């Protein structure tokens, strides 16, 4: 009679182990699906999907990078602002974010000591027609020693014929980025309709 509770406990233990294994497999499959559908093209990803993958990681360093990326894309941090081809201002010292419109992209190839600490370039695109005007050559960004991300914030559906089609959106973004083999810089985007 003494062994019966032990067998029941072992049975429960085996059941929990199988459940944990199934959960790990499902989680791995989920990450594979999210990663494979969001990394079409030149490492281009929807910001929401990227944050979800980072947050869902079992690795605490990757989770911390997700928190940092979310901060870079949503918090008020030291920044540089370019608008209509001119430096429009700075916010605090040692900027980590550069905000720009498409007409100021050529200025990014200029040498500027303020660029050395920039981790993310945020490019706002306001109209569909502007997508054809943008060409960003990553090789021209040599002054950005700490650059990790380029983030396109689009105020319209870039695939109006196929809204929320990740493959279409990635393809449209890849048309404006000339990667030249630089895999250290991640390309992110967000469709921001109505803001």
Protein backbone atom coordinates (compact mmCIF):
# COMPACT_ATOMS: atom_id res chain seq x y z
CA UNK A 1 0.00 0.00 0.00
CA UNK A 2 2.89 2.38 0.61
CA UNK A 3 4.04 2.20 -3.00
CA UNK A 4 0.70 3.26 -4.44
CA UNK A 5 1.07 7.00 -3.64
CA UNK A 6 4.59 6.85 -5.05
CA UNK A 7 3.31 5.36 -8.33
CA UNK A 8 0.62 7.99 -8.56
CA UNK A 9 3.23 10.72 -8.02
CA UNK A 10 5.50 9.19 -10.67
CA UNK A 11 2.53 9.07 -13.05
CA UNK A 12 1.82 12.74 -12.37
CA UNK A 13 5.50 13.56 -12.84
CA UNK A 14 5.58 11.79 -16.22
CA UNK A 15 2.40 13.55 -17.28
CA UNK A 16 3.86 16.96 -16.34
CA UNK A 17 7.08 16.16 -18.21
CA UNK A 18 5.13 15.23 -21.35
CA UNK A 19 3.07 18.39 -21.03
CA UNK A 20 6.22 20.50 -20.68
CA UNK A 21 7.76 18.84 -23.72
CA UNK A 22 4.63 19.49 -25.78
CA UNK A 23 4.59 23.14 -24.64
CA UNK A 24 8.26 23.56 -25.59
CA UNK A 25 7.65 22.02 -29.01
CA UNK A 26 4.62 24.25 -29.61
CA UNK A 27 6.59 27.32 -28.48
CA UNK A 28 9.48 26.41 -30.80
CA UNK A 29 7.05 25.91 -33.67
CA UNK A 30 5.43 29.28 -32.91
CA UNK A 31 8.82 31.03 -32.93
CA UNK A 32 9.74 29.31 -36.17
CA UNK A 33 6.50 30.44 -37.84
CA UNK A 34 6.80 34.04 -36.58
CA UNK A 35 10.48 34.24 -37.48
CA UNK A 36 10.14 32.67 -40.90
CA UNK A 37 7.18 34.84 -41.92
CA UNK A 38 8.72 38.04 -40.62
CA UNK A 39 12.23 37.73 -42.01
CA UNK A 40 11.53 37.69 -45.73
CA UNK A 41 13.92 39.80 -47.78
CA UNK A 42 16.89 41.49 -46.17
CA UNK A 43 16.12 40.67 -42.55
CA UNK A 44 13.10 42.94 -42.70
CA UNK A 45 10.54 42.54 -39.95
CA UNK A 46 7.36 44.11 -38.71
CA UNK A 47 8.20 45.79 -35.39
CA UNK A 48 5.34 44.08 -33.56
CA UNK A 49 6.49 40.62 -34.69
CA UNK A 50 10.10 41.39 -33.78
CA UNK A 51 9.12 42.53 -30.29
CA UNK A 52 6.95 39.44 -29.83
CA UNK A 53 9.81 37.10 -30.77
CA UNK A 54 12.25 38.90 -28.44
CA UNK A 55 9.77 38.97 -25.56
CA UNK A 56 8.92 35.28 -26.02
CA UNK A 57 12.52 34.12 -25.90
CA UNK A 58 13.59 31.99 -22.94
CA UNK A 59 16.95 33.83 -23.03
CA UNK A 60 16.92 36.81 -20.65
CA UNK A 61 19.51 38.72 -22.73
CA UNK A 62 17.23 38.50 -25.78
CA UNK A 63 14.24 39.59 -23.66
CA UNK A 64 16.31 42.58 -22.44
CA UNK A 65 17.07 43.52 -26.06
CA UNK A 66 13.32 43.46 -26.71
CA UNK A 67 12.73 45.86 -23.82
CA UNK A 68 15.50 48.12 -25.16
CA UNK A 69 14.10 48.04 -28.71
CA UNK A 70 10.62 48.89 -27.43
CA UNK A 71 12.13 51.83 -25.55
CA UNK A 72 13.98 53.01 -28.68
CA UNK A 73 10.74 52.98 -30.68
CA UNK A 74 8.36 54.44 -28.11
CA UNK A 75 10.12 56.37 -25.33
CA UNK A 76 11.42 59.93 -25.29
CA UNK A 77 15.19 59.41 -25.39
CA UNK A 78 18.10 61.63 -26.47
CA UNK A 79 17.45 62.27 -30.16
CA UNK A 80 18.42 64.13 -33.33
CA UNK A 81 15.72 65.44 -35.67
CA UNK A 82 16.14 66.02 -39.41
CA UNK A 83 13.30 67.51 -41.39
CA UNK A 84 13.03 68.76 -44.97
CA UNK A 85 16.74 68.34 -45.59
CA UNK A 86 17.94 70.18 -42.48
CA UNK A 87 18.92 69.49 -38.91
CA UNK A 88 15.74 70.49 -37.07
CA UNK A 89 17.07 70.02 -33.56
CA UNK A 90 18.34 67.74 -30.85
CA UNK A 91 16.90 66.53 -27.57
CA UNK A 92 19.49 66.07 -24.81
CA UNK A 93 23.13 65.06 -25.24
CA UNK A 94 24.48 61.79 -26.65
CA UNK A 95 21.52 60.97 -28.89
CA UNK A 96 20.66 57.31 -29.50
CA UNK A 97 17.77 57.93 -31.92
CA UNK A 98 17.72 59.81 -35.21
CA UNK A 99 14.31 60.83 -36.55
CA UNK A 100 14.10 61.84 -40.19
CA UNK A 101 11.77 62.28 -43.11
CA UNK A 102 12.55 60.98 -46.58
CA UNK A 103 13.84 64.30 -47.91
CA UNK A 104 16.60 64.27 -45.28
CA UNK A 105 17.94 60.78 -46.03
CA UNK A 106 20.85 62.13 -48.16
CA UNK A 107 22.13 63.96 -45.05
CA UNK A 108 22.73 60.64 -43.32
CA UNK A 109 25.76 59.96 -45.50
CA UNK A 110 27.45 63.14 -44.21
CA UNK A 111 29.99 62.92 -41.44
CA UNK A 112 28.56 64.13 -38.14
CA UNK A 113 29.93 63.40 -34.64
CA UNK A 114 26.35 63.22 -33.34
CA UNK A 115 25.84 60.04 -35.41
CA UNK A 116 28.39 57.95 -33.49
CA UNK A 117 26.02 56.88 -30.66
CA UNK A 118 22.87 56.45 -32.76
CA UNK A 119 21.34 52.98 -32.34
CA UNK A 120 18.21 53.46 -34.44
CA UNK A 121 17.24 55.62 -37.42
CA UNK A 122 13.50 56.22 -37.54
CA UNK A 123 12.27 57.23 -41.02
CA UNK A 124 8.71 58.47 -41.31
CA UNK A 125 7.05 57.99 -44.69
CA UNK A 126 3.79 59.92 -44.97
CA UNK A 127 2.47 59.07 -48.46
CA UNK A 128 2.45 56.07 -50.79
CA UNK A 129 4.12 58.15 -53.52
CA UNK A 130 7.09 58.77 -51.22
CA UNK A 131 7.94 55.05 -51.26
CA UNK A 132 9.26 55.49 -54.81
CA UNK A 133 11.40 58.48 -53.75
CA UNK A 134 13.27 56.64 -51.02
CA UNK A 135 16.52 54.77 -51.55
CA UNK A 136 18.57 54.07 -48.47
CA UNK A 137 22.05 52.69 -49.06
CA UNK A 138 23.28 51.08 -45.88
CA UNK A 139 26.85 51.45 -47.15
CA UNK A 140 26.41 55.25 -46.88
CA UNK A 141 25.83 55.01 -43.12
CA UNK A 142 29.46 54.44 -42.12
CA UNK A 143 29.36 57.30 -39.58
CA UNK A 144 26.82 55.38 -37.49
CA UNK A 145 29.19 53.24 -35.45
CA UNK A 146 26.53 51.88 -33.06
CA UNK A 147 23.62 51.56 -35.50
CA UNK A 148 21.51 48.43 -34.86
CA UNK A 149 18.17 49.25 -36.46
CA UNK A 150 16.55 51.21 -39.25
CA UNK A 151 12.86 51.68 -38.55
CA UNK A 152 10.35 52.76 -41.20
CA UNK A 153 7.17 54.27 -39.80
CA UNK A 154 4.58 54.38 -42.59
CA UNK A 155 1.42 56.49 -42.18
CA UNK A 156 -0.49 54.42 -44.77
CA UNK A 157 -0.99 50.84 -45.88
CA UNK A 158 2.00 50.05 -48.07
CA UNK A 159 0.09 47.12 -49.57
CA UNK A 160 -3.43 48.53 -49.98
CA UNK A 161 -4.38 45.67 -52.30
CA UNK A 162 -3.25 43.15 -49.63
CA UNK A 163 -3.52 44.80 -46.19
CA UNK A 164 -1.56 43.13 -43.38
CA UNK A 165 0.23 40.83 -45.83
CA UNK A 166 3.66 40.50 -44.24
CA UNK A 167 5.36 39.15 -47.36
CA UNK A 168 4.05 42.07 -49.44
CA UNK A 169 5.05 44.62 -46.80
CA UNK A 170 8.54 43.13 -46.49
CA UNK A 171 8.96 43.23 -50.25
CA UNK A 172 7.91 46.91 -50.44
CA UNK A 173 10.36 47.86 -47.68
CA UNK A 174 13.15 45.81 -49.28
CA UNK A 175 12.73 47.85 -52.49
CA UNK A 176 13.86 51.01 -50.71
CA UNK A 177 16.79 49.53 -48.79
CA UNK A 178 20.03 48.69 -50.54
CA UNK A 179 21.64 46.33 -48.07
CA UNK A 180 25.04 45.73 -49.69
CA UNK A 181 25.57 42.70 -47.46
CA UNK A 182 25.32 44.49 -44.09
CA UNK A 183 23.58 41.94 -41.90
CA UNK A 184 24.38 43.73 -38.65
CA UNK A 185 21.65 46.32 -39.17
CA UNK A 186 18.09 45.10 -38.80
CA UNK A 187 15.35 46.68 -40.89
CA UNK A 188 12.03 47.17 -39.08
CA UNK A 189 8.75 48.76 -40.08
CA UNK A 190 5.39 49.64 -38.67
CA UNK A 191 2.20 50.52 -40.49
CA UNK A 192 0.78 53.40 -38.47
CA UNK A 193 -2.55 54.31 -40.07
CA UNK A 194 -4.57 57.00 -38.34
CA UNK A 195 -1.85 58.45 -36.10
